[in-house]
PDB file of N, CA and C in Angstrom:
ATOM      1  N   MET A   1       1.247  -1.001   0.008  1.00  0.00           N
ATOM      2  CA  MET A   1       0.165   0.015  -0.070  1.00  0.00           C
ATOM      3  C   MET A   1       0.846   1.427  -0.069  1.00  0.00           C
ATOM      4  N   LYS A   2       1.935   1.288   0.605  1.00  0.00           N
ATOM      5  CA  LYS A   2       2.636   2.434   0.845  1.00  0.00           C
ATOM      6  C   LYS A   2       3.372   2.897  -0.505  1.00  0.00           C
ATOM      7  N   PHE A   3       3.924   1.574  -1.110  1.00  0.00           N
ATOM      8  CA  PHE A   3       4.662   1.699  -2.416  1.00  0.00           C
ATOM      9  C   PHE A   3       3.325   2.497  -3.224  1.00  0.00           C
ATOM     10  N   ILE A   4       2.047   1.991  -3.540  1.00  0.00           N
ATOM     11  CA  ILE A   4       1.259   2.685  -4.252  1.00  0.00           C
ATOM     12  C   ILE A   4       0.903   4.398  -3.924  1.00  0.00           C
ATOM     13  N   LEU A   5       1.070   4.687  -2.789  1.00  0.00           N
ATOM     14  CA  LEU A   5       1.107   6.214  -2.431  1.00  0.00           C
ATOM     15  C   LEU A   5       1.634   6.749  -2.866  1.00  0.00           C
ATOM     16  N   ILE A   6       3.278   6.643  -2.908  1.00  0.00           N
ATOM     17  CA  ILE A   6       4.366   6.674  -3.734  1.00  0.00           C
ATOM     18  C   ILE A   6       4.356   6.792  -5.066  1.00  0.00           C
ATOM     19  N   LEU A   7       3.848   5.734  -5.641  1.00  0.00           N
ATOM     20  CA  LEU A   7       3.686   6.051  -7.279  1.00  0.00           C
ATOM     21  C   LEU A   7       2.937   6.821  -7.608  1.00  0.00           C
ATOM     22  N   GLY A   8       1.575   6.874  -6.734  1.00  0.00           N
ATOM     23  CA  GLY A   8       0.454   7.763  -7.385  1.00  0.00           C
ATOM     24  C   GLY A   8       1.015   8.947  -7.076  1.00  0.00           C
ATOM     25  N   SER A   9       1.700   9.409  -5.811  1.00  0.00           N
ATOM     26  CA  SER A   9       2.415  11.067  -5.555  1.00  0.00           C
ATOM     27  C   SER A   9       3.163  11.340  -7.190  1.00  0.00           C
ATOM     28  N   ILE A  10       3.766  10.281  -7.447  1.00  0.00           N
ATOM     29  CA  ILE A  10       4.383  10.532  -8.261  1.00  0.00           C
ATOM     30  C   ILE A  10       3.875  10.678  -9.997  1.00  0.00           C
ATOM     31  N   LEU A  11       3.062   9.553 -10.031  1.00  0.00           N
ATOM     32  CA  LEU A  11       2.138  10.061 -11.583  1.00  0.00           C
ATOM     33  C   LEU A  11       0.787  10.417 -11.612  1.00  0.00           C
ATOM     34  N   ALA A  12       0.274  11.195 -10.715  1.00  0.00           N
ATOM     35  CA  ALA A  12      -0.329  11.637 -10.669  1.00  0.00           C
ATOM     36  C   ALA A  12       0.028  13.049 -11.233  1.00  0.00           C
ATOM     37  N   PRO A  13       0.944  13.966 -10.675  1.00  0.00           N
ATOM     38  CA  PRO A  13       1.175  15.035 -11.433  1.00  0.00           C
ATOM     39  C   PRO A  13       1.928  15.110 -12.206  1.00  0.00           C
ATOM     40  N   LEU A  14       2.476  14.116 -13.109  1.00  0.00           N
ATOM     41  CA  LEU A  14       3.367  13.781 -13.911  1.00  0.00           C
ATOM     42  C   LEU A  14       1.724  13.765 -15.040  1.00  0.00           C
ATOM     43  N   LEU A  15       0.887  12.969 -14.728  1.00  0.00           N
ATOM     44  CA  LEU A  15      -0.171  12.839 -15.453  1.00  0.00           C
ATOM     45  C   LEU A  15      -1.161  14.021 -16.021  1.00  0.00           C
ATOM     46  N   LEU A  16      -1.629  15.143 -14.709  1.00  0.00           N
ATOM     47  CA  LEU A  16      -1.899  16.334 -14.387  1.00  0.00           C
ATOM     48  C   LEU A  16      -1.372  16.948 -15.994  1.00  0.00           C
ATOM     49  N   VAL A  17       0.295  17.122 -15.893  1.00  0.00           N
ATOM     50  CA  VAL A  17       0.938  17.887 -17.017  1.00  0.00           C
ATOM     51  C   VAL A  17       0.662  17.344 -18.237  1.00  0.00           C
ATOM     52  N   ILE A  18       0.732  16.426 -18.544  1.00  0.00           N
ATOM     53  CA  ILE A  18       0.629  15.604 -19.726  1.00  0.00           C
ATOM     54  C   ILE A  18      -0.845  15.868 -20.347  1.00  0.00           C
ATOM     55  N   LEU A  19      -1.629  15.591 -19.111  1.00  0.00           N
ATOM     56  CA  LEU A  19      -2.937  15.840 -19.748  1.00  0.00           C
ATOM     57  C   LEU A  19      -3.503  17.496 -20.106  1.00  0.00           C
ATOM     58  N   GLN A  20      -2.688  18.738 -19.213  1.00  0.00           N
ATOM     59  CA  GLN A  20      -2.792  19.680 -19.682  1.00  0.00           C
ATOM     60  C   GLN A  20      -2.073  20.443 -21.272  1.00  0.00           C
ATOM     61  N   LYS A  21      -0.957  19.575 -21.386  1.00  0.00           N
ATOM     62  CA  LYS A  21      -0.167  19.833 -22.630  1.00  0.00           C
ATOM     63  C   LYS A  21      -1.217  19.158 -23.753  1.00  0.00           C
ATOM     64  N   VAL A  22      -2.034  18.334 -23.697  1.00  0.00           N
ATOM     65  CA  VAL A  22      -3.113  17.410 -24.548  1.00  0.00           C
ATOM     66  C   VAL A  22      -4.565  18.634 -24.936  1.00  0.00           C
ATOM     67  N   GLN A  23      -4.628  19.129 -23.840  1.00  0.00           N
ATOM     68  CA  GLN A  23      -6.007  19.867 -23.515  1.00  0.00           C
ATOM     69  C   GLN A  23      -5.979  20.660 -22.671  1.00  0.00           C
ATOM     70  N   PRO A  24      -5.618  21.888 -23.166  1.00  0.00           N
ATOM     71  CA  PRO A  24      -5.153  23.378 -22.338  1.00  0.00           C
ATOM     72  C   PRO A  24      -6.404  23.279 -21.938  1.00  0.00           C
ATOM     73  N   LYS A  25      -7.501  23.179 -21.934  1.00  0.00           N
ATOM     74  CA  LYS A  25      -8.621  23.848 -21.292  1.00  0.00           C
ATOM     75  C   LYS A  25      -8.381  23.340 -19.549  1.00  0.00           C
ATOM     76  N   LEU A  26      -7.624  21.913 -19.746  1.00  0.00           N
ATOM     77  CA  LEU A  26      -7.379  20.872 -17.906  1.00  0.00           C
ATOM     78  C   LEU A  26      -6.752  21.759 -17.509  1.00  0.00           C
ATOM     79  N   ARG A  27      -6.001  22.899 -17.731  1.00  0.00           N
ATOM     80  CA  ARG A  27      -5.314  23.634 -16.901  1.00  0.00           C
ATOM     81  C   ARG A  27      -6.246  24.544 -16.510  1.00  0.00           C
ATOM     82  N   LEU A  28      -6.969  25.307 -16.734  1.00  0.00           N
ATOM     83  CA  LEU A  28      -8.006  25.728 -15.945  1.00  0.00           C
ATOM     84  C   LEU A  28      -9.112  24.914 -14.678  1.00  0.00           C
ATOM     85  N   LEU A  29      -9.597  23.899 -15.349  1.00  0.00           N
ATOM     86  CA  LEU A  29     -10.129  22.946 -14.370  1.00  0.00           C
ATOM     87  C   LEU A  29      -9.288  22.712 -13.400  1.00  0.00           C
ATOM     88  N   CYS A  30      -8.000  22.625 -13.342  1.00  0.00           N
ATOM     89  CA  CYS A  30      -7.038  21.861 -12.628  1.00  0.00           C
ATOM     90  C   CYS A  30      -6.964  23.096 -11.355  1.00  0.00           C
ATOM     91  N   ASN A  31      -6.514  24.384 -12.330  1.00  0.00           N
ATOM     92  CA  ASN A  31      -7.227  25.320 -10.934  1.00  0.00           C
ATOM     93  C   ASN A  31      -8.145  25.623 -10.282  1.00  0.00           C
ATOM     94  N   ILE A  32      -9.370  25.215 -10.935  1.00  0.00           N
ATOM     95  CA  ILE A  32     -10.796  25.298 -10.220  1.00  0.00           C
ATOM     96  C   ILE A  32     -10.883  24.792  -9.049  1.00  0.00           C
ATOM     97  N   VAL A  33     -10.622  23.262  -9.627  1.00  0.00           N
ATOM     98  CA  VAL A  33     -10.637  22.483  -8.242  1.00  0.00           C
ATOM     99  C   VAL A  33      -9.568  22.663  -7.368  1.00  0.00           C
ATOM    100  N   ALA A  34      -8.511  22.944  -7.605  1.00  0.00           N
ATOM    101  CA  ALA A  34      -7.537  23.319  -6.393  1.00  0.00           C
ATOM    102  C   ALA A  34      -8.185  24.621  -5.379  1.00  0.00           C
ATOM    103  N   ILE A  35      -8.820  25.392  -6.726  1.00  0.00           N
ATOM    104  CA  ILE A  35      -9.273  26.708  -5.668  1.00  0.00           C
ATOM    105  C   ILE A  35     -10.148  26.166  -4.348  1.00  0.00           C
ATOM    106  N   LEU A  36     -11.374  25.001  -5.110  1.00  0.00           N
ATOM    107  CA  LEU A  36     -12.413  25.073  -4.384  1.00  0.00           C
ATOM    108  C   LEU A  36     -11.512  24.079  -3.564  1.00  0.00           C
ATOM    109  N   SER A  37     -10.939  23.288  -3.365  1.00  0.00           N
ATOM    110  CA  SER A  37     -10.030  22.031  -2.419  1.00  0.00           C
ATOM    111  C   SER A  37      -9.584  23.240  -1.240  1.00  0.00           C
ATOM    112  N   ALA A  38      -9.016  24.280  -2.012  1.00  0.00           N
ATOM    113  CA  ALA A  38      -8.384  24.890  -0.678  1.00  0.00           C
ATOM    114  C   ALA A  38      -9.466  25.685   0.215  1.00  0.00           C
ATOM    115  N   LEU A  39     -10.667  26.310  -0.305  1.00  0.00           N
ATOM    116  CA  LEU A  39     -11.627  26.441   0.518  1.00  0.00           C
ATOM    117  C   LEU A  39     -12.143  25.537   1.380  1.00  0.00           C
ATOM    118  N   VAL A  40     -12.382  24.368   0.681  1.00  0.00           N
ATOM    119  CA  VAL A  40     -12.929  23.186   1.598  1.00  0.00           C
ATOM    120  C   VAL A  40     -12.036  23.118   2.919  1.00  0.00           C
ATOM    121  N   PHE A  41     -10.834  22.839   2.511  1.00  0.00           N
ATOM    122  CA  PHE A  41      -9.602  22.143   3.553  1.00  0.00           C
ATOM    123  C   PHE A  41      -9.949  23.374   4.504  1.00  0.00           C
ATOM    124  N   GLY A  42      -9.845  24.688   3.940  1.00  0.00           N
ATOM    125  CA  GLY A  42      -9.413  25.278   5.121  1.00  0.00           C
ATOM    126  C   GLY A  42     -10.822  25.465   6.068  1.00  0.00           C
ATOM    127  N   ASN A  43     -11.519  25.586   5.491  1.00  0.00           N
ATOM    128  CA  ASN A  43     -12.899  25.515   5.663  1.00  0.00           C
ATOM    129  C   ASN A  43     -13.236  24.114   7.086  1.00  0.00           C
ATOM    130  N   ILE A  44     -13.234  23.250   6.904  1.00  0.00           N
ATOM    131  CA  ILE A  44     -13.118  22.329   7.570  1.00  0.00           C
ATOM    132  C   ILE A  44     -11.902  22.275   8.654  1.00  0.00           C
ATOM    133  N   SER A  45     -10.721  23.057   8.370  1.00  0.00           N
ATOM    134  CA  SER A  45      -9.619  22.844   9.379  1.00  0.00           C
ATOM    135  C   SER A  45     -10.203  23.811  10.380  1.00  0.00           C
ATOM    136  N   SER A  46     -10.466  25.197   9.802  1.00  0.00           N
ATOM    137  CA  SER A  46     -11.266  26.173  10.429  1.00  0.00           C
ATOM    138  C   SER A  46     -12.339  26.055  11.658  1.00  0.00           C
ATOM    139  N   LEU A  47     -13.121  25.228  11.248  1.00  0.00           N
ATOM    140  CA  LEU A  47     -14.021  24.724  11.756  1.00  0.00           C
ATOM    141  C   LEU A  47     -14.050  23.641  12.936  1.00  0.00           C
ATOM    142  N   ALA A  48     -13.085  22.622  12.619  1.00  0.00           N
ATOM    143  CA  ALA A  48     -12.495  22.101  13.773  1.00  0.00           C
ATOM    144  C   ALA A  48     -11.695  22.492  14.982  1.00  0.00           C
ATOM    145  N   ILE A  49     -10.771  23.185  14.619  1.00  0.00           N
ATOM    146  CA  ILE A  49     -10.431  24.516  15.576  1.00  0.00           C
ATOM    147  C   ILE A  49     -11.275  25.093  16.595  1.00  0.00           C
ATOM    148  N   TYR A  50     -12.230  25.672  15.562  1.00  0.00           N
ATOM    149  CA  TYR A  50     -13.268  26.526  16.492  1.00  0.00           C
ATOM    150  C   TYR A  50     -14.038  25.663  17.619  1.00  0.00           C
ATOM    151  N   GLU A  51     -14.398  24.542  17.135  1.00  0.00           N
ATOM    152  CA  GLU A  51     -15.010  23.631  17.790  1.00  0.00           C
ATOM    153  C   GLU A  51     -14.280  22.846  19.139  1.00  0.00           C
ATOM    154  N   ILE A  52     -13.170  23.012  19.128  1.00  0.00           N
ATOM    155  CA  ILE A  52     -12.422  22.487  19.754  1.00  0.00           C
ATOM    156  C   ILE A  52     -11.986  23.699  20.940  1.00  0.00           C
ATOM    157  N   ILE A  53     -12.011  25.060  20.465  1.00  0.00           N
ATOM    158  CA  ILE A  53     -11.672  26.210  21.493  1.00  0.00           C
ATOM    159  C   ILE A  53     -13.277  26.788  21.948  1.00  0.00           C
ATOM    160  N   LYS A  54     -14.229  26.431  21.354  1.00  0.00           N
ATOM    161  CA  LYS A  54     -15.672  26.300  22.023  1.00  0.00           C
ATOM    162  C   LYS A  54     -15.885  25.303  22.756  1.00  0.00           C
ATOM    163  N   ASP A  55     -15.965  24.436  22.656  1.00  0.00           N
ATOM    164  CA  ASP A  55     -16.153  23.157  23.579  1.00  0.00           C
ATOM    165  C   ASP A  55     -14.934  23.045  25.094  1.00  0.00           C
ATOM    166  N   ASP A  56     -14.048  23.840  24.901  1.00  0.00           N
ATOM    167  CA  ASP A  56     -13.081  23.921  25.797  1.00  0.00           C
ATOM    168  C   ASP A  56     -12.298  22.808  25.786  1.00  0.00           C
ATOM    169  N   THR A  57     -12.063  21.752  25.046  1.00  0.00           N
ATOM    170  CA  THR A  57     -11.641  20.413  24.591  1.00  0.00           C
ATOM    171  C   THR A  57      -9.935  20.452  25.057  1.00  0.00           C
ATOM    172  N   VAL A  58      -9.717  18.976  25.123  1.00  0.00           N
ATOM    173  CA  VAL A  58      -7.923  18.822  24.694  1.00  0.00           C
ATOM    174  C   VAL A  58      -7.579  19.311  23.408  1.00  0.00           C
ATOM    175  N   PHE A  59      -6.756  20.371  22.775  1.00  0.00           N
ATOM    176  CA  PHE A  59      -6.828  20.232  21.427  1.00  0.00           C
ATOM    177  C   PHE A  59      -5.926  19.061  20.741  1.00  0.00           C
ATOM    178  N   MET A  60      -5.027  18.513  21.326  1.00  0.00           N
ATOM    179  CA  MET A  60      -4.405  17.272  20.567  1.00  0.00           C
ATOM    180  C   MET A  60      -4.891  16.094  20.704  1.00  0.00           C
ATOM    181  N   THR A  61      -6.089  15.922  21.386  1.00  0.00           N
ATOM    182  CA  THR A  61      -6.463  14.294  21.141  1.00  0.00           C
ATOM    183  C   THR A  61      -7.481  14.706  20.280  1.00  0.00           C
ATOM    184  N   ASN A  62      -8.388  15.767  20.625  1.00  0.00           N
ATOM    185  CA  ASN A  62      -9.632  16.356  19.546  1.00  0.00           C
ATOM    186  C   ASN A  62      -9.101  16.237  18.263  1.00  0.00           C
ATOM    187  N   ILE A  63      -8.446  17.384  17.870  1.00  0.00           N
ATOM    188  CA  ILE A  63      -7.699  17.817  16.411  1.00  0.00           C
ATOM    189  C   ILE A  63      -7.873  16.339  15.326  1.00  0.00           C
ATOM    190  N   HIS A  64      -7.012  15.409  16.092  1.00  0.00           N
ATOM    191  CA  HIS A  64      -6.970  14.004  14.981  1.00  0.00           C
ATOM    192  C   HIS A  64      -7.783  13.786  14.490  1.00  0.00           C
ATOM    193  N   SER A  65      -9.548  14.387  15.253  1.00  0.00           N
ATOM    194  CA  SER A  65     -10.705  13.539  14.574  1.00  0.00           C
ATOM    195  C   SER A  65     -10.991  14.264  12.949  1.00  0.00           C
ATOM    196  N   ILE A  66     -10.119  15.088  13.013  1.00  0.00           N
ATOM    197  CA  ILE A  66     -10.259  15.635  11.356  1.00  0.00           C
ATOM    198  C   ILE A  66      -9.463  15.023  10.130  1.00  0.00           C
ATOM    199  N   PHE A  67      -8.939  14.015  10.607  1.00  0.00           N
ATOM    200  CA  PHE A  67      -8.402  12.671   9.630  1.00  0.00           C
ATOM    201  C   PHE A  67      -9.361  12.115   9.258  1.00  0.00           C
ATOM    202  N   LEU A  68     -10.657  11.685  10.203  1.00  0.00           N
ATOM    203  CA  LEU A  68     -11.769  11.038   9.493  1.00  0.00           C
ATOM    204  C   LEU A  68     -12.198  11.598   8.651  1.00  0.00           C
ATOM    205  N   ASN A  69     -12.532  12.498   8.317  1.00  0.00           N
ATOM    206  CA  ASN A  69     -13.131  13.328   7.575  1.00  0.00           C
ATOM    207  C   ASN A  69     -12.602  12.994   6.042  1.00  0.00           C
ATOM    208  N   PRO A  70     -13.679  12.392   5.538  1.00  0.00           N
ATOM    209  CA  PRO A  70     -13.320  11.909   3.462  1.00  0.00           C
ATOM    210  C   PRO A  70     -13.349  13.089   3.212  1.00  0.00           C
ATOM    211  N   LEU A  71     -13.575  14.067   2.839  1.00  0.00           N
ATOM    212  CA  LEU A  71     -13.628  15.336   2.342  1.00  0.00           C
ATOM    213  C   LEU A  71     -12.499  16.185   2.661  1.00  0.00           C
ATOM    214  N   PHE A  72     -11.917  15.968   3.483  1.00  0.00           N
ATOM    215  CA  PHE A  72     -10.381  16.441   4.649  1.00  0.00           C
ATOM    216  C   PHE A  72      -9.532  16.128   3.542  1.00  0.00           C
ATOM    217  N   LEU A  73      -9.316  14.831   3.250  1.00  0.00           N
ATOM    218  CA  LEU A  73      -8.478  13.789   3.151  1.00  0.00           C
ATOM    219  C   LEU A  73      -8.305  13.986   1.400  1.00  0.00           C
ATOM    220  N   LEU A  74      -9.624  14.373   0.747  1.00  0.00           N
ATOM    221  CA  LEU A  74      -9.631  14.208  -0.271  1.00  0.00           C
ATOM    222  C   LEU A  74      -9.275  15.529  -1.477  1.00  0.00           C
ATOM    223  N   THR A  75      -9.650  16.407  -0.467  1.00  0.00           N
ATOM    224  CA  THR A  75      -9.275  17.853  -0.612  1.00  0.00           C
ATOM    225  C   THR A  75      -7.532  17.929  -0.813  1.00  0.00           C
ATOM    226  N   GLY A  76      -7.075  17.149   0.680  1.00  0.00           N
ATOM    227  CA  GLY A  76      -5.910  17.369   0.695  1.00  0.00           C
ATOM    228  C   GLY A  76      -5.068  17.011   0.090  1.00  0.00           C
ATOM    229  N   ALA A  77      -5.358  15.831  -0.392  1.00  0.00           N
ATOM    230  CA  ALA A  77      -4.688  14.896  -1.360  1.00  0.00           C
ATOM    231  C   ALA A  77      -4.791  15.367  -2.786  1.00  0.00           C
ATOM    232  N   TYR A  78      -5.530  16.109  -2.886  1.00  0.00           N
ATOM    233  CA  TYR A  78      -5.344  16.958  -3.914  1.00  0.00           C
ATOM    234  C   TYR A  78      -4.709  17.974  -4.383  1.00  0.00           C
ATOM    235  N   LEU A  79      -4.797  18.727  -3.277  1.00  0.00           N
ATOM    236  CA  LEU A  79      -3.704  19.751  -3.235  1.00  0.00           C
ATOM    237  C   LEU A  79      -2.488  19.112  -2.782  1.00  0.00           C
ATOM    238  N   GLY A  80      -2.161  18.682  -2.390  1.00  0.00           N
ATOM    239  CA  GLY A  80      -0.855  17.948  -2.766  1.00  0.00           C
ATOM    240  C   GLY A  80      -0.149  17.593  -4.223  1.00  0.00           C
ATOM    241  N   ILE A  81      -0.828  16.682  -4.818  1.00  0.00           N
ATOM    242  CA  ILE A  81      -0.806  16.702  -6.138  1.00  0.00           C
ATOM    243  C   ILE A  81      -0.890  18.207  -6.868  1.00  0.00           C
ATOM    244  N   TYR A  82      -1.768  18.708  -6.765  1.00  0.00           N
ATOM    245  CA  TYR A  82      -1.851  19.582  -7.420  1.00  0.00           C
ATOM    246  C   TYR A  82      -0.590  20.730  -7.362  1.00  0.00           C
ATOM    247  N   PHE A  83       0.117  20.869  -5.861  1.00  0.00           N
ATOM    248  CA  PHE A  83       1.208  21.892  -6.193  1.00  0.00           C
ATOM    249  C   PHE A  83       2.260  21.236  -6.635  1.00  0.00           C
ATOM    250  N   ILE A  84       2.623  19.818  -6.498  1.00  0.00           N
ATOM    251  CA  ILE A  84       3.343  19.222  -7.607  1.00  0.00           C
ATOM    252  C   ILE A  84       3.615  19.588  -8.588  1.00  0.00           C
ATOM    253  N   TYR A  85       2.164  19.077  -9.217  1.00  0.00           N
ATOM    254  CA  TYR A  85       2.184  19.759 -10.395  1.00  0.00           C
ATOM    255  C   TYR A  85       2.825  21.057 -11.201  1.00  0.00           C
ATOM    256  N   ARG A  86       2.300  22.231 -10.215  1.00  0.00           N
ATOM    257  CA  ARG A  86       2.442  23.278 -10.705  1.00  0.00           C
ATOM    258  C   ARG A  86       3.921  23.323 -10.580  1.00  0.00           C
ATOM    259  N   MET A  87       4.865  22.512  -9.544  1.00  0.00           N
ATOM    260  CA  MET A  87       6.305  23.273  -9.388  1.00  0.00           C
ATOM    261  C   MET A  87       6.755  22.248 -10.554  1.00  0.00           C
ATOM    262  N   VAL A  88       6.008  21.178 -10.961  1.00  0.00           N
ATOM    263  CA  VAL A  88       6.869  20.581 -12.520  1.00  0.00           C
ATOM    264  C   VAL A  88       6.533  21.514 -13.602  1.00  0.00           C
ATOM    265  N   ILE A  89       5.340  22.122 -13.668  1.00  0.00           N
ATOM    266  CA  ILE A  89       5.134  23.369 -14.792  1.00  0.00           C
ATOM    267  C   ILE A  89       5.968  24.552 -14.860  1.00  0.00           C
ATOM    268  N   TRP A  90       6.236  24.829 -13.843  1.00  0.00           N
ATOM    269  CA  TRP A  90       7.237  26.115 -13.300  1.00  0.00           C
ATOM    270  C   TRP A  90       8.682  25.319 -13.485  1.00  0.00           C
ATOM    271  N   THR A  91       8.920  24.062 -13.357  1.00  0.00           N
ATOM    272  CA  THR A  91      10.150  24.212 -13.706  1.00  0.00           C
ATOM    273  C   THR A  91      10.369  23.803 -15.550  1.00  0.00           C
ATOM    274  N   LEU A  92       9.392  23.018 -16.012  1.00  0.00           N
ATOM    275  CA  LEU A  92       9.269  22.860 -17.538  1.00  0.00           C
ATOM    276  C   LEU A  92       9.122  24.659 -18.373  1.00  0.00           C
ATOM    277  N   GLU A  93       8.967  25.191 -17.748  1.00  0.00           N
ATOM    278  CA  GLU A  93       9.120  26.843 -18.094  1.00  0.00           C
ATOM    279  C   GLU A  93      10.008  27.681 -18.089  1.00  0.00           C
ATOM    280  N   GLU A  94      11.131  26.977 -17.227  1.00  0.00           N
ATOM    281  CA  GLU A  94      12.039  27.520 -16.624  1.00  0.00           C
ATOM    282  C   GLU A  94      13.408  26.912 -17.989  1.00  0.00           C
ATOM    283  N   ILE A  95      12.673  25.774 -18.242  1.00  0.00           N
ATOM    284  CA  ILE A  95      14.050  25.071 -19.143  1.00  0.00           C
ATOM    285  C   ILE A  95      14.193  25.779 -20.470  1.00  0.00           C
TER     286      ILE A  95
END
């Protein structure tokens, strides 16, 4: 399973680079999805922290429940892939 995660973190951004070269409109779609993902990811994080502060609970034990939220994990995973994809694009533009 670890191998698949590592391989996916390498192949997924490269696939995005190839796809946006073939279909330039996909670049806009990738950017829009990244913006929406950042909003969702940030809102889930801030709401979880707000609940902890409001309820005056132990921060370190309760904050980890955020990792059980599939939407948090999905948006975070996309942002990780997207940032690597953008770094590859920036590197290719510099060559």
